[in-house]
Amino acid sequence: LILIYIGVLFRHRRKIHIPIMLTSFVLDISAVLYLEFNRGVLVKALEKISEHLFKVHLVFAISTLIGYGVALYTGFRLLRGPLSYQETIRPFHKINAIIFLIARTGVFITCLLIV
């Protein structure tokens, strides 16, 4: 999560922002896959917490995954598209970033409540 916020701080410096955000995506997805396939955290979490908290966590987690997808798509469009196209995509990329940060922070907070 800290890496994501560092990436956001460098949003105006593409040569720093892009590698940080891609690295955070790979690390996030890798962590989720590791925790689920090697430790079975979903089943263990369901045994420990209320169904309501688990559903809130899932909403944040699914929103985060969708946000990553949208960020990758719009980010690559900004990087490769013509200047006129960039100006139409940039506001969408920015709105997605705000929603994504809320969702990713929500995942972190609900993880703390689950453990």
N, C-alpha and C. Protein backbone atom coordinates (compact mmCIF):
# COMPACT_ATOMS: atom_id res chain seq x y z
N LEU A 1 0.83 -1.20 0.00
CA LEU A 1 0.00 0.00 0.00
C LEU A 1 0.87 1.26 0.00
N ILE A 2 1.95 1.21 0.76
CA ILE A 2 2.86 2.36 0.80
C ILE A 2 3.45 2.62 -0.58
N LEU A 3 3.80 1.54 -1.27
CA LEU A 3 4.36 1.67 -2.62
C LEU A 3 3.37 2.34 -3.57
N ILE A 4 2.10 2.02 -3.42
CA ILE A 4 1.07 2.64 -4.27
C ILE A 4 1.01 4.14 -4.00
N TYR A 5 1.02 4.52 -2.73
CA TYR A 5 0.96 5.95 -2.41
C TYR A 5 2.22 6.68 -2.87
N ILE A 6 3.36 6.01 -2.82
CA ILE A 6 4.58 6.62 -3.37
C ILE A 6 4.43 6.82 -4.87
N GLY A 7 3.87 5.82 -5.55
CA GLY A 7 3.62 5.95 -6.99
C GLY A 7 2.71 7.12 -7.31
N VAL A 8 1.70 7.32 -6.48
CA VAL A 8 0.78 8.45 -6.68
C VAL A 8 1.51 9.77 -6.50
N LEU A 9 2.39 9.83 -5.52
CA LEU A 9 3.16 11.06 -5.30
C LEU A 9 4.01 11.43 -6.53
N PHE A 10 4.43 10.43 -7.27
CA PHE A 10 5.25 10.66 -8.46
C PHE A 10 4.42 10.61 -9.75
N ARG A 11 3.13 10.87 -9.66
CA ARG A 11 2.25 10.77 -10.83
C ARG A 11 2.62 11.71 -11.97
N HIS A 12 3.31 12.77 -11.69
CA HIS A 12 3.69 13.72 -12.74
C HIS A 12 5.05 13.39 -13.36
N ARG A 13 5.67 12.32 -12.86
CA ARG A 13 6.97 11.89 -13.40
C ARG A 13 6.83 10.46 -13.90
N ARG A 14 6.47 10.33 -15.17
CA ARG A 14 6.16 9.03 -15.75
C ARG A 14 7.24 7.98 -15.55
N LYS A 15 8.50 8.38 -15.68
CA LYS A 15 9.59 7.40 -15.58
C LYS A 15 9.70 6.78 -14.19
N ILE A 16 9.12 7.43 -13.21
CA ILE A 16 9.10 6.89 -11.85
C ILE A 16 7.73 6.27 -11.55
N HIS A 17 6.67 6.97 -11.92
CA HIS A 17 5.30 6.54 -11.62
C HIS A 17 4.96 5.17 -12.22
N ILE A 18 5.25 5.00 -13.49
CA ILE A 18 4.84 3.76 -14.17
C ILE A 18 5.52 2.53 -13.57
N PRO A 19 6.85 2.51 -13.40
CA PRO A 19 7.47 1.31 -12.80
C PRO A 19 6.98 1.03 -11.37
N ILE A 20 6.77 2.08 -10.60
CA ILE A 20 6.29 1.86 -9.23
C ILE A 20 4.89 1.26 -9.24
N MET A 21 4.01 1.79 -10.07
CA MET A 21 2.64 1.28 -10.10
C MET A 21 2.58 -0.14 -10.66
N LEU A 22 3.38 -0.45 -11.69
CA LEU A 22 3.41 -1.81 -12.23
C LEU A 22 3.97 -2.79 -11.20
N THR A 23 4.99 -2.37 -10.47
CA THR A 23 5.57 -3.21 -9.42
C THR A 23 4.55 -3.47 -8.32
N SER A 24 3.82 -2.43 -7.92
CA SER A 24 2.82 -2.62 -6.86
C SER A 24 1.72 -3.56 -7.31
N PHE A 25 1.34 -3.49 -8.59
CA PHE A 25 0.33 -4.40 -9.13
C PHE A 25 0.82 -5.84 -9.05
N VAL A 26 2.03 -6.09 -9.52
CA VAL A 26 2.59 -7.44 -9.50
C VAL A 26 2.71 -7.96 -8.07
N LEU A 27 3.19 -7.12 -7.17
CA LEU A 27 3.33 -7.55 -5.77
C LEU A 27 1.98 -7.83 -5.13
N ASP A 28 0.99 -6.98 -5.39
CA ASP A 28 -0.35 -7.18 -4.83
C ASP A 28 -0.97 -8.50 -5.32
N ILE A 29 -0.94 -8.70 -6.62
CA ILE A 29 -1.54 -9.92 -7.18
C ILE A 29 -0.77 -11.15 -6.69
N SER A 30 0.54 -11.06 -6.65
CA SER A 30 1.36 -12.18 -6.16
C SER A 30 1.03 -12.52 -4.71
N ALA A 31 0.86 -11.50 -3.89
CA ALA A 31 0.54 -11.72 -2.48
C ALA A 31 -0.81 -12.40 -2.32
N VAL A 32 -1.80 -11.95 -3.08
CA VAL A 32 -3.13 -12.55 -3.00
C VAL A 32 -3.08 -14.01 -3.43
N LEU A 33 -2.42 -14.28 -4.53
CA LEU A 33 -2.32 -15.67 -5.01
C LEU A 33 -1.56 -16.55 -4.02
N TYR A 34 -0.46 -16.04 -3.48
CA TYR A 34 0.30 -16.81 -2.50
C TYR A 34 -0.54 -17.12 -1.26
N LEU A 35 -1.17 -16.09 -0.71
CA LEU A 35 -1.94 -16.28 0.51
C LEU A 35 -3.09 -17.25 0.31
N GLU A 36 -3.73 -17.19 -0.84
CA GLU A 36 -4.86 -18.07 -1.06
C GLU A 36 -4.42 -19.50 -1.37
N PHE A 37 -3.48 -19.65 -2.28
CA PHE A 37 -3.12 -21.01 -2.71
C PHE A 37 -2.19 -21.73 -1.73
N ASN A 38 -1.39 -21.01 -0.99
CA ASN A 38 -0.46 -21.66 -0.06
C ASN A 38 -0.95 -21.67 1.39
N ARG A 39 -1.83 -20.75 1.72
CA ARG A 39 -2.28 -20.67 3.11
C ARG A 39 -3.78 -20.77 3.27
N GLY A 40 -4.53 -20.74 2.18
CA GLY A 40 -5.98 -20.88 2.25
C GLY A 40 -6.65 -19.83 3.11
N VAL A 41 -6.28 -18.56 2.92
CA VAL A 41 -6.75 -17.50 3.81
C VAL A 41 -8.25 -17.25 3.72
N LEU A 42 -8.86 -17.48 2.57
CA LEU A 42 -10.30 -17.23 2.46
C LEU A 42 -11.09 -18.12 3.41
N VAL A 43 -10.78 -19.39 3.42
CA VAL A 43 -11.50 -20.32 4.29
C VAL A 43 -11.23 -19.98 5.75
N LYS A 44 -9.98 -19.69 6.09
CA LYS A 44 -9.63 -19.35 7.47
C LYS A 44 -10.31 -18.05 7.91
N ALA A 45 -10.38 -17.08 7.01
CA ALA A 45 -11.01 -15.81 7.34
C ALA A 45 -12.50 -15.99 7.59
N LEU A 46 -13.13 -16.80 6.76
CA LEU A 46 -14.57 -17.04 6.94
C LEU A 46 -14.89 -17.67 8.29
N GLU A 47 -13.97 -18.46 8.80
CA GLU A 47 -14.17 -19.10 10.10
C GLU A 47 -14.04 -18.12 11.26
N LYS A 48 -13.27 -17.03 11.05
CA LYS A 48 -12.95 -16.11 12.13
C LYS A 48 -13.85 -14.88 12.23
N ILE A 49 -14.38 -14.42 11.13
CA ILE A 49 -15.03 -13.11 11.12
C ILE A 49 -16.50 -13.21 10.78
N SER A 50 -17.18 -12.09 10.96
CA SER A 50 -18.59 -12.04 10.61
C SER A 50 -18.75 -12.03 9.10
N GLU A 51 -19.87 -12.49 8.66
CA GLU A 51 -20.17 -12.52 7.24
C GLU A 51 -20.22 -11.10 6.67
N HIS A 52 -20.73 -10.17 7.46
CA HIS A 52 -20.82 -8.78 7.02
C HIS A 52 -19.44 -8.19 6.73
N LEU A 53 -18.50 -8.37 7.66
CA LEU A 53 -17.15 -7.84 7.46
C LEU A 53 -16.48 -8.49 6.25
N PHE A 54 -16.71 -9.79 6.09
CA PHE A 54 -16.13 -10.49 4.95
C PHE A 54 -16.68 -9.94 3.63
N LYS A 55 -17.98 -9.66 3.59
CA LYS A 55 -18.58 -9.09 2.38
C LYS A 55 -18.02 -7.70 2.08
N VAL A 56 -17.83 -6.89 3.12
CA VAL A 56 -17.24 -5.56 2.94
C VAL A 56 -15.83 -5.70 2.37
N HIS A 57 -15.07 -6.62 2.93
CA HIS A 57 -13.72 -6.87 2.44
C HIS A 57 -13.74 -7.29 0.97
N LEU A 58 -14.63 -8.18 0.62
CA LEU A 58 -14.72 -8.65 -0.78
C LEU A 58 -15.09 -7.52 -1.74
N VAL A 59 -15.99 -6.64 -1.32
CA VAL A 59 -16.35 -5.51 -2.17
C VAL A 59 -15.13 -4.63 -2.43
N PHE A 60 -14.37 -4.35 -1.37
CA PHE A 60 -13.14 -3.56 -1.53
C PHE A 60 -12.14 -4.30 -2.42
N ALA A 61 -11.98 -5.60 -2.20
CA ALA A 61 -10.99 -6.38 -2.95
C ALA A 61 -11.34 -6.46 -4.43
N ILE A 62 -12.61 -6.72 -4.73
CA ILE A 62 -13.03 -6.80 -6.13
C ILE A 62 -12.93 -5.43 -6.80
N SER A 63 -13.28 -4.39 -6.06
CA SER A 63 -13.14 -3.03 -6.60
C SER A 63 -11.68 -2.71 -6.89
N THR A 64 -10.78 -3.18 -6.03
CA THR A 64 -9.36 -2.97 -6.24
C THR A 64 -8.89 -3.66 -7.51
N LEU A 65 -9.31 -4.90 -7.72
CA LEU A 65 -8.92 -5.62 -8.93
C LEU A 65 -9.45 -4.94 -10.19
N ILE A 66 -10.70 -4.50 -10.14
CA ILE A 66 -11.26 -3.77 -11.28
C ILE A 66 -10.48 -2.47 -11.50
N GLY A 67 -10.17 -1.79 -10.40
CA GLY A 67 -9.40 -0.55 -10.49
C GLY A 67 -8.02 -0.75 -11.10
N TYR A 68 -7.37 -1.86 -10.76
CA TYR A 68 -6.08 -2.17 -11.39
C TYR A 68 -6.26 -2.33 -12.89
N GLY A 69 -7.29 -3.07 -13.29
CA GLY A 69 -7.53 -3.28 -14.72
C GLY A 69 -7.77 -1.97 -15.45
N VAL A 70 -8.62 -1.13 -14.89
CA VAL A 70 -8.92 0.17 -15.51
C VAL A 70 -7.67 1.04 -15.53
N ALA A 71 -6.90 1.03 -14.46
CA ALA A 71 -5.67 1.84 -14.40
C ALA A 71 -4.67 1.38 -15.46
N LEU A 72 -4.52 0.08 -15.60
CA LEU A 72 -3.60 -0.43 -16.63
C LEU A 72 -4.07 -0.02 -18.02
N TYR A 73 -5.35 -0.20 -18.30
CA TYR A 73 -5.88 0.13 -19.61
C TYR A 73 -5.73 1.63 -19.90
N THR A 74 -6.21 2.46 -19.01
CA THR A 74 -6.14 3.91 -19.25
C THR A 74 -4.71 4.42 -19.20
N GLY A 75 -3.90 3.82 -18.33
CA GLY A 75 -2.50 4.23 -18.24
C GLY A 75 -1.74 3.96 -19.53
N PHE A 76 -1.95 2.77 -20.12
CA PHE A 76 -1.29 2.47 -21.39
C PHE A 76 -1.85 3.32 -22.52
N ARG A 77 -3.14 3.66 -22.46
CA ARG A 77 -3.71 4.56 -23.47
C ARG A 77 -3.08 5.94 -23.37
N LEU A 78 -2.87 6.40 -22.14
CA LEU A 78 -2.21 7.70 -21.94
C LEU A 78 -0.78 7.67 -22.47
N LEU A 79 -0.12 6.56 -22.26
CA LEU A 79 1.28 6.43 -22.66
C LEU A 79 1.43 6.34 -24.17
N ARG A 80 0.52 5.65 -24.84
CA ARG A 80 0.67 5.35 -26.26
C ARG A 80 -0.23 6.16 -27.19
N GLY A 81 -1.28 6.74 -26.65
CA GLY A 81 -2.27 7.40 -27.50
C GLY A 81 -1.85 8.78 -27.99
N PRO A 82 -2.55 9.27 -29.00
CA PRO A 82 -2.28 10.64 -29.47
C PRO A 82 -2.67 11.66 -28.40
N LEU A 83 -2.13 12.84 -28.52
CA LEU A 83 -2.34 13.89 -27.52
C LEU A 83 -3.82 14.18 -27.30
N SER A 84 -4.60 14.27 -28.37
CA SER A 84 -6.03 14.56 -28.22
C SER A 84 -6.75 13.45 -27.45
N TYR A 85 -6.35 12.22 -27.69
CA TYR A 85 -6.94 11.07 -27.00
C TYR A 85 -6.56 11.08 -25.52
N GLN A 86 -5.33 11.50 -25.24
CA GLN A 86 -4.85 11.55 -23.86
C GLN A 86 -5.71 12.48 -23.00
N GLU A 87 -6.12 13.59 -23.57
CA GLU A 87 -6.91 14.55 -22.80
C GLU A 87 -8.30 14.03 -22.46
N THR A 88 -8.82 13.10 -23.25
CA THR A 88 -10.12 12.51 -22.92
C THR A 88 -9.97 11.37 -21.91
N ILE A 89 -8.82 10.70 -21.92
CA ILE A 89 -8.59 9.56 -21.02
C ILE A 89 -8.12 10.01 -19.64
N ARG A 90 -7.33 11.06 -19.58
CA ARG A 90 -6.72 11.49 -18.31
C ARG A 90 -7.73 11.69 -17.17
N PRO A 91 -8.86 12.38 -17.40
CA PRO A 91 -9.81 12.53 -16.28
C PRO A 91 -10.36 11.19 -15.79
N PHE A 92 -10.58 10.27 -16.71
CA PHE A 92 -11.08 8.94 -16.33
C PHE A 92 -10.02 8.20 -15.52
N HIS A 93 -8.75 8.31 -15.92
CA HIS A 93 -7.64 7.68 -15.20
C HIS A 93 -7.55 8.26 -13.78
N LYS A 94 -7.74 9.55 -13.67
CA LYS A 94 -7.66 10.23 -12.38
C LYS A 94 -8.81 9.82 -11.45
N ILE A 95 -10.03 9.78 -11.97
CA ILE A 95 -11.19 9.36 -11.17
C ILE A 95 -11.01 7.92 -10.71
N ASN A 96 -10.55 7.06 -11.64
CA ASN A 96 -10.30 5.67 -11.27
C ASN A 96 -9.26 5.58 -10.16
N ALA A 97 -8.22 6.41 -10.24
CA ALA A 97 -7.17 6.39 -9.22
C ALA A 97 -7.73 6.72 -7.84
N ILE A 98 -8.62 7.68 -7.77
CA ILE A 98 -9.21 8.06 -6.48
C ILE A 98 -10.06 6.91 -5.93
N ILE A 99 -10.90 6.34 -6.78
CA ILE A 99 -11.74 5.21 -6.35
C ILE A 99 -10.86 4.02 -5.96
N PHE A 100 -9.83 3.77 -6.76
CA PHE A 100 -8.91 2.68 -6.49
C PHE A 100 -8.22 2.85 -5.13
N LEU A 101 -7.73 4.06 -4.85
CA LEU A 101 -7.05 4.30 -3.58
C LEU A 101 -7.98 4.08 -2.38
N ILE A 102 -9.22 4.49 -2.52
CA ILE A 102 -10.20 4.25 -1.46
C ILE A 102 -10.41 2.76 -1.27
N ALA A 103 -10.59 2.04 -2.38
CA ALA A 103 -10.82 0.60 -2.30
C ALA A 103 -9.60 -0.14 -1.75
N ARG A 104 -8.42 0.21 -2.21
CA ARG A 104 -7.20 -0.48 -1.76
C ARG A 104 -6.93 -0.21 -0.29
N THR A 105 -7.19 1.01 0.15
CA THR A 105 -7.06 1.34 1.57
C THR A 105 -8.11 0.56 2.37
N GLY A 106 -9.31 0.43 1.82
CA GLY A 106 -10.35 -0.37 2.48
C GLY A 106 -9.96 -1.82 2.62
N VAL A 107 -9.29 -2.39 1.61
CA VAL A 107 -8.79 -3.76 1.70
C VAL A 107 -7.80 -3.87 2.86
N PHE A 108 -6.89 -2.92 2.93
CA PHE A 108 -5.88 -2.95 4.00
C PHE A 108 -6.52 -2.87 5.38
N ILE A 109 -7.47 -1.95 5.55
CA ILE A 109 -8.12 -1.78 6.85
C ILE A 109 -8.92 -3.04 7.23
N THR A 110 -9.68 -3.57 6.28
CA THR A 110 -10.46 -4.77 6.60
C THR A 110 -9.56 -5.97 6.85
N CYS A 111 -8.39 -6.02 6.21
CA CYS A 111 -7.42 -7.09 6.51
C CYS A 111 -6.98 -7.02 7.96
N LEU A 112 -6.74 -5.80 8.42
CA LEU A 112 -6.33 -5.62 9.82
C LEU A 112 -7.44 -6.08 10.77
N LEU A 113 -8.68 -5.85 10.40
CA LEU A 113 -9.80 -6.27 11.25
C LEU A 113 -10.02 -7.78 11.22
N ILE A 114 -9.62 -8.40 10.13
CA ILE A 114 -9.81 -9.85 9.98
C ILE A 114 -8.75 -10.61 10.76
N VAL A 115 -7.52 -10.13 10.75
CA VAL A 115 -6.41 -10.85 11.39
C VAL A 115 -6.47 -10.78 12.87
